[in-house]
């Protein structure tokens, strides 16, 4: 029974990391693209949009990697 509880906690932690990674993509990559496409707010230079997208994608990749690493802690039995 302890392994089952442990595994569920590990899966919950992995889900948290993966959801945070998806939020990074939505907030840092997709939202500025949509805002620039529809002309909402001030329009930053393309260079800064690309730098921001790279930073947010890197953060998303790190969070996703943390999710994958945490799933390695699942126990058998």
Protein backbone atom coordinates (compact mmCIF):
# COMPACT_ATOMS: atom_id res chain seq x y z
CA UNK A 1 0.00 0.00 0.00
CA UNK A 2 2.89 2.37 0.75
CA UNK A 3 4.24 1.91 -2.78
CA UNK A 4 0.87 2.80 -4.25
CA UNK A 5 0.71 6.03 -2.25
CA UNK A 6 4.31 6.83 -3.15
CA UNK A 7 3.67 6.23 -6.86
CA UNK A 8 0.57 8.44 -6.85
CA UNK A 9 2.53 11.25 -5.20
CA UNK A 10 5.31 10.89 -7.77
CA UNK A 11 2.78 11.00 -10.62
CA UNK A 12 1.12 14.06 -9.09
CA UNK A 13 4.49 15.82 -8.85
CA UNK A 14 5.29 14.91 -12.47
CA UNK A 15 1.90 16.25 -13.56
CA UNK A 16 2.59 19.51 -11.72
CA UNK A 17 5.94 19.95 -13.48
CA UNK A 18 4.48 19.08 -16.87
CA UNK A 19 1.54 21.48 -16.41
CA UNK A 20 3.96 24.25 -15.45
CA UNK A 21 5.94 23.47 -18.62
CA UNK A 22 2.81 23.76 -20.75
CA UNK A 23 1.97 27.04 -19.03
CA UNK A 24 5.43 28.39 -19.88
CA UNK A 25 4.81 27.65 -23.54
CA UNK A 26 1.35 29.23 -23.48
CA UNK A 27 2.41 32.30 -21.52
CA UNK A 28 5.85 32.97 -22.90
CA UNK A 29 5.61 31.77 -26.50
CA UNK A 30 2.03 31.61 -27.74
CA UNK A 31 0.64 34.69 -25.99
CA UNK A 32 3.23 37.13 -27.43
CA UNK A 33 2.78 35.63 -30.91
CA UNK A 34 -0.99 36.05 -30.71
CA UNK A 35 -0.63 39.58 -29.31
CA UNK A 36 1.76 40.54 -32.11
CA UNK A 37 -0.48 38.93 -34.74
CA UNK A 38 -3.56 40.82 -33.61
CA UNK A 39 -1.68 44.04 -32.86
CA UNK A 40 -2.51 44.11 -29.17
CA UNK A 41 -0.37 46.40 -27.02
CA UNK A 42 3.04 47.64 -28.05
CA UNK A 43 4.90 45.59 -30.61
CA UNK A 44 8.43 44.64 -29.50
CA UNK A 45 11.13 43.99 -32.08
CA UNK A 46 11.22 40.48 -33.52
CA UNK A 47 14.63 39.92 -31.94
CA UNK A 48 13.20 40.32 -28.43
CA UNK A 49 10.25 38.09 -29.25
CA UNK A 50 12.66 35.36 -30.32
CA UNK A 51 14.88 35.80 -27.26
CA UNK A 52 11.83 35.62 -24.99
CA UNK A 53 10.54 32.54 -26.80
CA UNK A 54 13.90 30.81 -26.41
CA UNK A 55 14.01 31.60 -22.69
CA UNK A 56 10.45 30.37 -22.10
CA UNK A 57 11.01 27.23 -24.20
CA UNK A 58 14.16 26.50 -22.21
CA UNK A 59 12.21 26.87 -18.96
CA UNK A 60 9.48 24.59 -20.34
CA UNK A 61 12.06 22.01 -21.38
CA UNK A 62 13.67 22.06 -17.94
CA UNK A 63 10.31 21.61 -16.23
CA UNK A 64 9.38 18.77 -18.56
CA UNK A 65 12.75 17.13 -17.90
CA UNK A 66 12.05 17.42 -14.16
CA UNK A 67 8.73 15.66 -14.73
CA UNK A 68 10.42 12.83 -16.60
CA UNK A 69 13.12 12.54 -13.92
CA UNK A 70 10.53 12.38 -11.17
CA UNK A 71 8.75 9.51 -12.94
CA UNK A 72 11.93 7.46 -12.63
CA UNK A 73 11.20 7.30 -8.91
CA UNK A 74 8.17 5.09 -9.43
CA UNK A 75 8.37 1.85 -7.45
CA UNK A 76 7.42 -1.64 -8.47
CA UNK A 77 5.28 -3.96 -6.33
